Amino acid sequence: MSGGGTETPAGCEAAPGGGGKKKDSLGFAGSPAHLIIKDLGEIHSRLLDHRPVIQGETRYFVKEFEEKRGLREMRVLENLKHMIQETNEHTLPMCRATMQDNLNQVLQRLQAATDSVCRLQQREQQQKKIHNDLLIAREKQQETRWEDFMKEQHGKQAEVDGEHRKALEKLREQYAEMEKGLARFSTF
């Protein structure tokens, strides 16, 4: 290769100025392949190597919870533990007993209300039965009245028809006599 430098035993030319840069396995220290590999290494360490970030976060977490806050979280957890124990030992049994007492009262009231509703339903059914019986009796009475009325009407119709026949017979007889009388006068 050209460039005015001296050749090295591996057949590579040394950089001008006496070898201030190191040679790498792919070529010269300043070659484009070396720069690409160096850039890839930096990209890899920034994008894929999370160890420095995780270590920093871990140190921050430990510092935050152990150094700055001290035992405050422990005290809060202890207080919560005592509150839960007090609730389990005192408050819940008291609430359970109160609930049982009130529930028994509610059940008694509910039973009384159910009994009242049953009595009301029985009364209503009895009243409906009485009302239906009265309606049936009235219907039978109306039917009897209607039958009596129709019999009476038939009787009256027969009576009127009889009187009509009698009146027709009288009229026929009267007209027959009149025709006889006219027939006598017409013979003269």
N, C-alpha and C. Protein backbone atom coordinates (compact mmCIF):
# COMPACT_ATOMS: atom_id res chain seq x y z
N MET A 1 0.83 -1.18 0.00
CA MET A 1 0.00 0.00 0.00
C MET A 1 0.87 1.23 0.00
N SER A 2 0.28 2.28 -0.44
CA SER A 2 1.07 3.51 -0.52
C SER A 2 0.72 4.40 0.62
N GLY A 3 1.42 5.43 0.84
CA GLY A 3 1.12 6.37 1.90
C GLY A 3 2.36 6.85 2.56
N GLY A 4 3.54 6.37 2.23
CA GLY A 4 4.79 6.89 2.74
C GLY A 4 5.16 6.35 4.08
N GLY A 5 4.53 5.34 4.61
CA GLY A 5 4.88 4.82 5.92
C GLY A 5 5.72 3.57 5.76
N THR A 6 6.11 3.00 6.85
CA THR A 6 6.91 1.79 6.83
C THR A 6 6.02 0.58 6.94
N GLU A 7 6.44 -0.51 6.39
CA GLU A 7 5.64 -1.73 6.46
C GLU A 7 5.97 -2.48 7.72
N THR A 8 4.99 -3.14 8.19
CA THR A 8 5.14 -3.93 9.41
C THR A 8 5.34 -5.37 9.02
N PRO A 9 5.74 -6.27 9.95
CA PRO A 9 5.97 -7.64 9.61
C PRO A 9 4.73 -8.36 9.09
N ALA A 10 3.55 -7.97 9.46
CA ALA A 10 2.35 -8.65 9.00
C ALA A 10 1.98 -8.19 7.62
N GLY A 11 2.65 -7.29 7.05
CA GLY A 11 2.38 -6.81 5.72
C GLY A 11 1.49 -5.60 5.74
N CYS A 12 1.35 -4.98 6.86
CA CYS A 12 0.50 -3.80 6.97
C CYS A 12 1.38 -2.61 7.16
N GLU A 13 0.91 -1.54 6.65
CA GLU A 13 1.68 -0.31 6.72
C GLU A 13 1.36 0.38 8.03
N ALA A 14 2.37 0.90 8.71
CA ALA A 14 2.16 1.59 9.97
C ALA A 14 1.69 3.00 9.69
N ALA A 15 1.03 3.56 10.64
CA ALA A 15 0.53 4.92 10.48
C ALA A 15 1.68 5.88 10.51
N PRO A 16 1.56 6.98 9.72
CA PRO A 16 2.65 7.96 9.75
C PRO A 16 2.78 8.59 11.11
N GLY A 17 3.89 8.86 11.48
CA GLY A 17 4.14 9.53 12.74
C GLY A 17 4.67 8.60 13.79
N GLY A 18 4.92 7.39 13.51
CA GLY A 18 5.64 6.55 14.45
C GLY A 18 4.80 5.60 15.25
N GLY A 19 3.56 5.34 14.94
CA GLY A 19 2.80 4.26 15.59
C GLY A 19 2.06 4.69 16.84
N GLY A 20 1.45 5.85 16.83
CA GLY A 20 0.67 6.30 17.99
C GLY A 20 -0.61 5.50 18.15
N LYS A 21 -1.14 4.89 17.09
CA LYS A 21 -2.39 4.12 17.17
C LYS A 21 -2.07 2.64 17.14
N LYS A 22 -2.93 1.85 17.78
CA LYS A 22 -2.75 0.41 17.80
C LYS A 22 -3.44 -0.20 16.61
N LYS A 23 -2.95 -1.31 16.18
CA LYS A 23 -3.51 -2.06 15.08
C LYS A 23 -4.50 -3.05 15.65
N ASP A 24 -5.64 -3.27 14.92
CA ASP A 24 -6.54 -4.31 15.39
C ASP A 24 -6.51 -5.45 14.43
N SER A 25 -7.25 -6.54 14.67
CA SER A 25 -7.12 -7.77 13.91
C SER A 25 -7.66 -7.62 12.50
N LEU A 26 -8.50 -6.67 12.22
CA LEU A 26 -9.08 -6.54 10.89
C LEU A 26 -8.29 -5.58 10.01
N GLY A 27 -7.49 -4.85 10.56
CA GLY A 27 -6.74 -3.90 9.73
C GLY A 27 -6.19 -2.79 10.57
N PHE A 28 -6.11 -1.64 9.99
CA PHE A 28 -5.58 -0.49 10.72
C PHE A 28 -6.58 0.02 11.74
N ALA A 29 -6.02 0.75 12.72
CA ALA A 29 -6.86 1.29 13.79
C ALA A 29 -7.81 2.33 13.25
N GLY A 30 -7.49 3.01 12.22
CA GLY A 30 -8.34 4.08 11.70
C GLY A 30 -9.15 3.64 10.51
N SER A 31 -9.22 2.37 10.20
CA SER A 31 -9.94 1.91 9.02
C SER A 31 -11.45 2.03 9.23
N PRO A 32 -12.23 2.08 8.14
CA PRO A 32 -13.70 2.20 8.25
C PRO A 32 -14.32 0.98 8.94
N ALA A 33 -13.80 -0.22 8.76
CA ALA A 33 -14.34 -1.40 9.41
C ALA A 33 -14.20 -1.28 10.93
N HIS A 34 -13.05 -0.73 11.33
CA HIS A 34 -12.84 -0.56 12.76
C HIS A 34 -13.83 0.45 13.34
N LEU A 35 -14.07 1.51 12.62
CA LEU A 35 -15.02 2.53 13.09
C LEU A 35 -16.44 1.95 13.15
N ILE A 36 -16.82 1.12 12.18
CA ILE A 36 -18.15 0.51 12.17
C ILE A 36 -18.30 -0.42 13.37
N ILE A 37 -17.27 -1.21 13.64
CA ILE A 37 -17.31 -2.13 14.77
C ILE A 37 -17.39 -1.36 16.07
N LYS A 38 -16.65 -0.28 16.14
CA LYS A 38 -16.68 0.55 17.34
C LYS A 38 -18.06 1.15 17.53
N ASP A 39 -18.67 1.63 16.43
CA ASP A 39 -20.03 2.20 16.51
C ASP A 39 -21.05 1.11 16.89
N LEU A 40 -20.88 -0.08 16.32
CA LEU A 40 -21.79 -1.18 16.68
C LEU A 40 -21.67 -1.53 18.15
N GLY A 41 -20.47 -1.51 18.66
CA GLY A 41 -20.25 -1.79 20.08
C GLY A 41 -20.94 -0.75 20.96
N GLU A 42 -20.84 0.52 20.55
CA GLU A 42 -21.50 1.57 21.32
C GLU A 42 -23.02 1.43 21.25
N ILE A 43 -23.54 1.14 20.05
CA ILE A 43 -25.00 0.96 19.89
C ILE A 43 -25.46 -0.23 20.72
N HIS A 44 -24.70 -1.31 20.66
CA HIS A 44 -25.06 -2.49 21.44
C HIS A 44 -25.08 -2.16 22.93
N SER A 45 -24.09 -1.45 23.42
CA SER A 45 -24.03 -1.15 24.84
C SER A 45 -25.15 -0.19 25.25
N ARG A 46 -25.54 0.71 24.35
CA ARG A 46 -26.61 1.66 24.69
C ARG A 46 -28.00 1.01 24.60
N LEU A 47 -28.23 0.19 23.57
CA LEU A 47 -29.57 -0.36 23.34
C LEU A 47 -29.80 -1.70 24.02
N LEU A 48 -28.83 -2.55 24.03
CA LEU A 48 -29.07 -3.92 24.47
C LEU A 48 -28.46 -4.27 25.82
N ASP A 49 -27.47 -3.54 26.26
CA ASP A 49 -26.84 -3.85 27.53
C ASP A 49 -27.47 -2.98 28.61
N HIS A 50 -28.38 -3.56 29.37
CA HIS A 50 -29.14 -2.81 30.36
C HIS A 50 -28.53 -2.89 31.75
N ARG A 51 -27.43 -3.56 31.88
CA ARG A 51 -26.83 -3.72 33.20
C ARG A 51 -26.52 -2.39 33.89
N PRO A 52 -25.94 -1.44 33.22
CA PRO A 52 -25.65 -0.18 33.93
C PRO A 52 -26.94 0.53 34.39
N VAL A 53 -27.96 0.50 33.57
CA VAL A 53 -29.21 1.16 33.94
C VAL A 53 -29.85 0.44 35.13
N ILE A 54 -29.89 -0.88 35.05
CA ILE A 54 -30.50 -1.66 36.12
C ILE A 54 -29.72 -1.49 37.41
N GLN A 55 -28.40 -1.48 37.31
CA GLN A 55 -27.60 -1.28 38.52
C GLN A 55 -27.86 0.09 39.13
N GLY A 56 -28.01 1.11 38.26
CA GLY A 56 -28.31 2.45 38.77
C GLY A 56 -29.68 2.50 39.45
N GLU A 57 -30.66 1.91 38.83
CA GLU A 57 -32.01 1.88 39.42
C GLU A 57 -32.01 1.11 40.73
N THR A 58 -31.26 0.02 40.75
CA THR A 58 -31.19 -0.78 41.97
C THR A 58 -30.55 0.03 43.10
N ARG A 59 -29.46 0.71 42.80
CA ARG A 59 -28.81 1.55 43.81
C ARG A 59 -29.76 2.64 44.30
N TYR A 60 -30.52 3.26 43.37
CA TYR A 60 -31.46 4.32 43.73
C TYR A 60 -32.56 3.75 44.63
N PHE A 61 -33.07 2.58 44.28
CA PHE A 61 -34.13 1.94 45.07
C PHE A 61 -33.65 1.65 46.49
N VAL A 62 -32.47 1.05 46.58
CA VAL A 62 -31.92 0.73 47.90
C VAL A 62 -31.69 2.00 48.70
N LYS A 63 -31.16 3.01 48.05
CA LYS A 63 -30.89 4.28 48.73
C LYS A 63 -32.19 4.91 49.20
N GLU A 64 -33.20 4.89 48.34
CA GLU A 64 -34.50 5.50 48.65
C GLU A 64 -35.15 4.82 49.84
N PHE A 65 -35.16 3.48 49.87
CA PHE A 65 -35.90 2.76 50.89
C PHE A 65 -35.09 2.50 52.15
N GLU A 66 -33.80 2.37 52.03
CA GLU A 66 -33.03 2.06 53.23
C GLU A 66 -32.46 3.30 53.88
N GLU A 67 -31.97 4.20 53.10
CA GLU A 67 -31.26 5.33 53.68
C GLU A 67 -32.18 6.50 53.97
N LYS A 68 -32.96 6.94 52.96
CA LYS A 68 -33.76 8.14 53.14
C LYS A 68 -34.98 7.89 54.01
N ARG A 69 -35.69 6.81 53.73
CA ARG A 69 -36.95 6.59 54.42
C ARG A 69 -36.77 5.89 55.76
N GLY A 70 -35.69 5.27 55.94
CA GLY A 70 -35.43 4.62 57.22
C GLY A 70 -36.41 3.48 57.45
N LEU A 71 -36.99 3.44 58.61
CA LEU A 71 -37.91 2.36 58.96
C LEU A 71 -39.38 2.79 58.85
N ARG A 72 -39.61 3.86 58.12
CA ARG A 72 -40.97 4.38 58.01
C ARG A 72 -41.92 3.33 57.42
N GLU A 73 -41.50 2.63 56.37
CA GLU A 73 -42.35 1.61 55.76
C GLU A 73 -42.59 0.46 56.73
N MET A 74 -41.60 0.13 57.51
CA MET A 74 -41.76 -0.94 58.49
C MET A 74 -42.80 -0.53 59.54
N ARG A 75 -42.73 0.75 59.96
CA ARG A 75 -43.72 1.23 60.94
C ARG A 75 -45.12 1.23 60.34
N VAL A 76 -45.22 1.63 59.08
CA VAL A 76 -46.54 1.62 58.42
C VAL A 76 -47.07 0.20 58.33
N LEU A 77 -46.23 -0.75 57.97
CA LEU A 77 -46.65 -2.14 57.89
C LEU A 77 -47.03 -2.69 59.26
N GLU A 78 -46.30 -2.31 60.30
CA GLU A 78 -46.64 -2.74 61.66
C GLU A 78 -48.00 -2.19 62.07
N ASN A 79 -48.23 -0.90 61.77
CA ASN A 79 -49.52 -0.29 62.09
C ASN A 79 -50.65 -1.01 61.36
N LEU A 80 -50.43 -1.33 60.09
CA LEU A 80 -51.45 -2.05 59.32
C LEU A 80 -51.71 -3.43 59.93
N LYS A 81 -50.62 -4.08 60.37
CA LYS A 81 -50.77 -5.41 60.97
C LYS A 81 -51.60 -5.32 62.25
N HIS A 82 -51.32 -4.29 63.08
CA HIS A 82 -52.09 -4.12 64.31
C HIS A 82 -53.55 -3.78 64.02
N MET A 83 -53.78 -2.96 63.02
CA MET A 83 -55.17 -2.62 62.66
C MET A 83 -55.92 -3.85 62.18
N ILE A 84 -55.27 -4.69 61.40
CA ILE A 84 -55.92 -5.91 60.90
C ILE A 84 -56.21 -6.86 62.05
N GLN A 85 -55.25 -7.00 62.97
CA GLN A 85 -55.49 -7.86 64.13
C GLN A 85 -56.65 -7.35 64.98
N GLU A 86 -56.68 -6.04 65.21
CA GLU A 86 -57.76 -5.46 66.00
C GLU A 86 -59.11 -5.66 65.31
N THR A 87 -59.10 -5.49 64.00
CA THR A 87 -60.33 -5.69 63.23
C THR A 87 -60.78 -7.14 63.34
N ASN A 88 -59.85 -8.07 63.16
CA ASN A 88 -60.20 -9.50 63.23
C ASN A 88 -60.65 -9.92 64.62
N GLU A 89 -60.01 -9.39 65.66
CA GLU A 89 -60.30 -9.84 67.01
C GLU A 89 -61.48 -9.13 67.65
N HIS A 90 -61.69 -7.84 67.33
CA HIS A 90 -62.72 -7.07 68.03
C HIS A 90 -63.86 -6.61 67.12
N THR A 91 -63.50 -5.92 66.06
CA THR A 91 -64.52 -5.28 65.23
C THR A 91 -65.38 -6.29 64.50
N LEU A 92 -64.76 -7.28 63.87
CA LEU A 92 -65.54 -8.27 63.11
C LEU A 92 -66.48 -9.07 64.00
N PRO A 93 -66.05 -9.59 65.17
CA PRO A 93 -67.01 -10.30 66.02
C PRO A 93 -68.17 -9.41 66.48
N MET A 94 -67.85 -8.15 66.80
CA MET A 94 -68.89 -7.23 67.23
C MET A 94 -69.88 -6.98 66.08
N CYS A 95 -69.36 -6.77 64.89
CA CYS A 95 -70.22 -6.56 63.71
C CYS A 95 -71.04 -7.81 63.42
N ARG A 96 -70.43 -8.97 63.57
CA ARG A 96 -71.13 -10.23 63.32
C ARG A 96 -72.28 -10.41 64.32
N ALA A 97 -72.03 -10.10 65.61
CA ALA A 97 -73.08 -10.23 66.62
C ALA A 97 -74.21 -9.24 66.36
N THR A 98 -73.85 -8.01 66.04
CA THR A 98 -74.87 -7.00 65.73
C THR A 98 -75.68 -7.41 64.52
N MET A 99 -75.01 -7.91 63.52
CA MET A 99 -75.69 -8.34 62.31
C MET A 99 -76.64 -9.50 62.61
N GLN A 100 -76.21 -10.45 63.44
CA GLN A 100 -77.06 -11.58 63.80
C GLN A 100 -78.32 -11.09 64.52
N ASP A 101 -78.14 -10.18 65.50
CA ASP A 101 -79.29 -9.65 66.23
C ASP A 101 -80.26 -8.95 65.28
N ASN A 102 -79.72 -8.08 64.45
CA ASN A 102 -80.57 -7.34 63.52
C ASN A 102 -81.19 -8.27 62.49
N LEU A 103 -80.45 -9.27 62.07
CA LEU A 103 -80.97 -10.21 61.08
C LEU A 103 -82.12 -11.02 61.67
N ASN A 104 -82.00 -11.41 62.94
CA ASN A 104 -83.10 -12.13 63.59
C ASN A 104 -84.35 -11.25 63.67
N GLN A 105 -84.17 -9.98 64.01
CA GLN A 105 -85.30 -9.06 64.06
C GLN A 105 -85.93 -8.91 62.68
N VAL A 106 -85.09 -8.77 61.69
CA VAL A 106 -85.59 -8.61 60.32
C VAL A 106 -86.34 -9.87 59.88
N LEU A 107 -85.81 -11.04 60.22
CA LEU A 107 -86.48 -12.29 59.87
C LEU A 107 -87.84 -12.40 60.57
N GLN A 108 -87.91 -11.98 61.84
CA GLN A 108 -89.19 -12.00 62.55
C GLN A 108 -90.20 -11.07 61.90
N ARG A 109 -89.73 -9.87 61.55
CA ARG A 109 -90.63 -8.91 60.88
C ARG A 109 -91.07 -9.43 59.53
N LEU A 110 -90.15 -10.04 58.83
CA LEU A 110 -90.47 -10.60 57.52
C LEU A 110 -91.49 -11.72 57.64
N GLN A 111 -91.33 -12.56 58.66
CA GLN A 111 -92.29 -13.64 58.88
C GLN A 111 -93.66 -13.07 59.22
N ALA A 112 -93.71 -12.03 60.05
CA ALA A 112 -94.98 -11.40 60.41
C ALA A 112 -95.63 -10.79 59.16
N ALA A 113 -94.83 -10.14 58.33
CA ALA A 113 -95.37 -9.56 57.10
C ALA A 113 -95.89 -10.65 56.17
N THR A 114 -95.17 -11.75 56.08
CA THR A 114 -95.61 -12.86 55.23
C THR A 114 -96.93 -13.43 55.74
N ASP A 115 -97.05 -13.59 57.05
CA ASP A 115 -98.30 -14.08 57.63
C ASP A 115 -99.45 -13.13 57.34
N SER A 116 -99.19 -11.82 57.48
CA SER A 116 -100.24 -10.83 57.19
C SER A 116 -100.67 -10.91 55.73
N VAL A 117 -99.72 -11.04 54.85
CA VAL A 117 -100.04 -11.13 53.43
C VAL A 117 -100.86 -12.39 53.15
N CYS A 118 -100.50 -13.49 53.78
CA CYS A 118 -101.27 -14.74 53.60
C CYS A 118 -102.71 -14.56 54.07
N ARG A 119 -102.88 -13.93 55.24
CA ARG A 119 -104.24 -13.70 55.75
C ARG A 119 -105.02 -12.81 54.79
N LEU A 120 -104.37 -11.77 54.30
CA LEU A 120 -105.05 -10.87 53.35
C LEU A 120 -105.45 -11.62 52.08
N GLN A 121 -104.57 -12.48 51.60
CA GLN A 121 -104.88 -13.25 50.40
C GLN A 121 -106.06 -14.19 50.66
N GLN A 122 -106.10 -14.83 51.84
CA GLN A 122 -107.20 -15.72 52.17
C GLN A 122 -108.52 -14.95 52.24
N ARG A 123 -108.47 -13.77 52.88
CA ARG A 123 -109.68 -12.94 52.95
C ARG A 123 -110.15 -12.54 51.55
N GLU A 124 -109.19 -12.14 50.74
CA GLU A 124 -109.53 -11.73 49.38
C GLU A 124 -110.13 -12.90 48.60
N GLN A 125 -109.57 -14.08 48.76
CA GLN A 125 -110.12 -15.25 48.07
C GLN A 125 -111.51 -15.58 48.57
N GLN A 126 -111.73 -15.44 49.89
CA GLN A 126 -113.06 -15.69 50.43
C GLN A 126 -114.06 -14.66 49.89
N GLN A 127 -113.63 -13.40 49.85
CA GLN A 127 -114.52 -12.36 49.33
C GLN A 127 -114.82 -12.60 47.85
N LYS A 128 -113.81 -13.01 47.09
CA LYS A 128 -114.04 -13.32 45.68
C LYS A 128 -115.03 -14.47 45.54
N LYS A 129 -114.86 -15.49 46.40
CA LYS A 129 -115.76 -16.65 46.33
C LYS A 129 -117.19 -16.21 46.65
N ILE A 130 -117.35 -15.42 47.73
CA ILE A 130 -118.68 -14.92 48.09
C ILE A 130 -119.25 -14.09 46.95
N HIS A 131 -118.41 -13.20 46.39
CA HIS A 131 -118.85 -12.35 45.28
C HIS A 131 -119.26 -13.22 44.08
N ASN A 132 -118.47 -14.22 43.76
CA ASN A 132 -118.80 -15.11 42.64
C ASN A 132 -120.09 -15.89 42.92
N ASP A 133 -120.25 -16.35 44.17
CA ASP A 133 -121.49 -17.06 44.53
C ASP A 133 -122.69 -16.15 44.37
N LEU A 134 -122.54 -14.89 44.83
CA LEU A 134 -123.64 -13.92 44.67
C LEU A 134 -123.94 -13.68 43.19
N LEU A 135 -122.88 -13.55 42.39
CA LEU A 135 -123.09 -13.34 40.95
C LEU A 135 -123.82 -14.52 40.33
N ILE A 136 -123.42 -15.72 40.71
CA ILE A 136 -124.06 -16.92 40.17
C ILE A 136 -125.53 -16.96 40.59
N ALA A 137 -125.79 -16.63 41.89
CA ALA A 137 -127.17 -16.62 42.38
C ALA A 137 -127.99 -15.57 41.63
N ARG A 138 -127.43 -14.40 41.42
CA ARG A 138 -128.12 -13.34 40.68
C ARG A 138 -128.39 -13.76 39.24
N GLU A 139 -127.39 -14.39 38.63
CA GLU A 139 -127.57 -14.86 37.25
C GLU A 139 -128.71 -15.88 37.18
N LYS A 140 -128.74 -16.81 38.15
CA LYS A 140 -129.81 -17.81 38.17
C LYS A 140 -131.17 -17.13 38.39
N GLN A 141 -131.19 -16.15 39.29
CA GLN A 141 -132.41 -15.42 39.56
C GLN A 141 -132.87 -14.67 38.31
N GLN A 142 -131.91 -14.05 37.62
CA GLN A 142 -132.24 -13.34 36.38
C GLN A 142 -132.75 -14.31 35.32
N GLU A 143 -132.11 -15.46 35.23
CA GLU A 143 -132.57 -16.47 34.27
C GLU A 143 -134.01 -16.91 34.60
N THR A 144 -134.27 -17.12 35.88
CA THR A 144 -135.62 -17.52 36.30
C THR A 144 -136.61 -16.41 35.96
N ARG A 145 -136.26 -15.18 36.27
CA ARG A 145 -137.13 -14.05 35.93
C ARG A 145 -137.37 -13.97 34.43
N TRP A 146 -136.28 -14.16 33.69
CA TRP A 146 -136.40 -14.09 32.22
C TRP A 146 -137.32 -15.20 31.70
N GLU A 147 -137.15 -16.39 32.24
CA GLU A 147 -138.01 -17.50 31.82
C GLU A 147 -139.47 -17.20 32.18
N ASP A 148 -139.70 -16.68 33.41
CA ASP A 148 -141.07 -16.31 33.81
C ASP A 148 -141.62 -15.22 32.90
N PHE A 149 -140.77 -14.25 32.58
CA PHE A 149 -141.19 -13.16 31.70
C PHE A 149 -141.54 -13.71 30.32
N MET A 150 -140.71 -14.60 29.81
CA MET A 150 -140.98 -15.16 28.48
C MET A 150 -142.25 -16.00 28.50
N LYS A 151 -142.49 -16.76 29.58
CA LYS A 151 -143.73 -17.54 29.69
C LYS A 151 -144.93 -16.60 29.72
N GLU A 152 -144.80 -15.55 30.51
CA GLU A 152 -145.86 -14.56 30.60
C GLU A 152 -146.12 -13.93 29.24
N GLN A 153 -145.03 -13.64 28.53
CA GLN A 153 -145.17 -13.03 27.20
C GLN A 153 -145.84 -14.01 26.24
N HIS A 154 -145.49 -15.27 26.33
CA HIS A 154 -146.14 -16.27 25.48
C HIS A 154 -147.63 -16.38 25.82
N GLY A 155 -147.91 -16.34 27.14
CA GLY A 155 -149.31 -16.39 27.57
C GLY A 155 -150.07 -15.18 27.05
N LYS A 156 -149.48 -14.01 27.20
CA LYS A 156 -150.13 -12.79 26.70
C LYS A 156 -150.28 -12.84 25.19
N GLN A 157 -149.23 -13.36 24.53
CA GLN A 157 -149.29 -13.46 23.07
C GLN A 157 -150.43 -14.39 22.66
N ALA A 158 -150.57 -15.51 23.37
CA ALA A 158 -151.64 -16.44 23.06
C ALA A 158 -152.99 -15.78 23.32
N GLU A 159 -153.11 -15.05 24.42
CA GLU A 159 -154.35 -14.34 24.75
C GLU A 159 -154.69 -13.32 23.68
N VAL A 160 -153.65 -12.51 23.30
CA VAL A 160 -153.87 -11.49 22.26
C VAL A 160 -154.22 -12.17 20.95
N ASP A 161 -153.54 -13.27 20.63
CA ASP A 161 -153.86 -13.98 19.38
C ASP A 161 -155.29 -14.51 19.43
N GLY A 162 -155.72 -15.03 20.60
CA GLY A 162 -157.09 -15.52 20.74
C GLY A 162 -158.10 -14.40 20.55
N GLU A 163 -157.86 -13.26 21.20
CA GLU A 163 -158.76 -12.12 21.05
C GLU A 163 -158.78 -11.66 19.59
N HIS A 164 -157.61 -11.69 18.96
CA HIS A 164 -157.53 -11.27 17.56
C HIS A 164 -158.37 -12.21 16.69
N ARG A 165 -158.23 -13.51 16.94
CA ARG A 165 -159.02 -14.48 16.17
C ARG A 165 -160.52 -14.26 16.39
N LYS A 166 -160.89 -14.01 17.64
CA LYS A 166 -162.30 -13.76 17.94
C LYS A 166 -162.79 -12.51 17.21
N ALA A 167 -161.91 -11.45 17.27
CA ALA A 167 -162.30 -10.21 16.58
C ALA A 167 -162.41 -10.45 15.09
N LEU A 168 -161.51 -11.25 14.52
CA LEU A 168 -161.57 -11.56 13.09
C LEU A 168 -162.83 -12.35 12.79
N GLU A 169 -163.17 -13.30 13.64
CA GLU A 169 -164.38 -14.10 13.43
C GLU A 169 -165.61 -13.20 13.47
N LYS A 170 -165.65 -12.28 14.43
CA LYS A 170 -166.79 -11.37 14.53
C LYS A 170 -166.89 -10.52 13.28
N LEU A 171 -165.69 -10.03 12.84
CA LEU A 171 -165.69 -9.19 11.64
C LEU A 171 -166.13 -10.01 10.43
N ARG A 172 -165.69 -11.22 10.32
CA ARG A 172 -166.08 -12.07 9.19
C ARG A 172 -167.59 -12.32 9.23
N GLU A 173 -168.07 -12.61 10.45
CA GLU A 173 -169.51 -12.83 10.58
C GLU A 173 -170.27 -11.57 10.23
N GLN A 174 -169.78 -10.44 10.71
CA GLN A 174 -170.45 -9.17 10.43
C GLN A 174 -170.44 -8.88 8.93
N TYR A 175 -169.27 -9.10 8.28
CA TYR A 175 -169.20 -8.86 6.84
C TYR A 175 -170.05 -9.91 6.08
N ALA A 176 -170.10 -11.08 6.61
CA ALA A 176 -170.93 -12.10 5.96
C ALA A 176 -172.42 -11.69 6.04
N GLU A 177 -172.88 -11.19 7.18
CA GLU A 177 -174.24 -10.72 7.33
C GLU A 177 -174.50 -9.52 6.44
N MET A 178 -173.52 -8.65 6.37
CA MET A 178 -173.67 -7.46 5.53
C MET A 178 -173.78 -7.89 4.06
N GLU A 179 -173.00 -8.85 3.68
CA GLU A 179 -173.07 -9.34 2.29
C GLU A 179 -174.45 -9.99 2.06
N LYS A 180 -174.96 -10.67 3.04
CA LYS A 180 -176.29 -11.27 2.92
C LYS A 180 -177.34 -10.17 2.80
N GLY A 181 -177.15 -9.15 3.64
CA GLY A 181 -178.09 -8.02 3.58
C GLY A 181 -177.99 -7.32 2.25
N LEU A 182 -176.85 -7.16 1.69
CA LEU A 182 -176.66 -6.53 0.39
C LEU A 182 -177.19 -7.45 -0.70
N ALA A 183 -177.00 -8.68 -0.49
CA ALA A 183 -177.50 -9.62 -1.47
C ALA A 183 -179.04 -9.57 -1.47
N ARG A 184 -179.71 -9.36 -0.34
CA ARG A 184 -181.17 -9.24 -0.26
C ARG A 184 -181.63 -7.99 -0.96
N PHE A 185 -180.90 -6.90 -0.75
CA PHE A 185 -181.27 -5.64 -1.39
C PHE A 185 -180.98 -5.69 -2.87
N SER A 186 -180.07 -6.37 -3.28
CA SER A 186 -179.75 -6.41 -4.69
C SER A 186 -180.72 -7.32 -5.45
N THR A 187 -181.41 -8.23 -4.81
CA THR A 187 -182.38 -9.06 -5.45
C THR A 187 -183.66 -8.26 -5.68
N PHE A 188 -183.93 -7.24 -5.05
CA PHE A 188 -185.14 -6.48 -5.24
C PHE A 188 -185.01 -5.66 -6.41
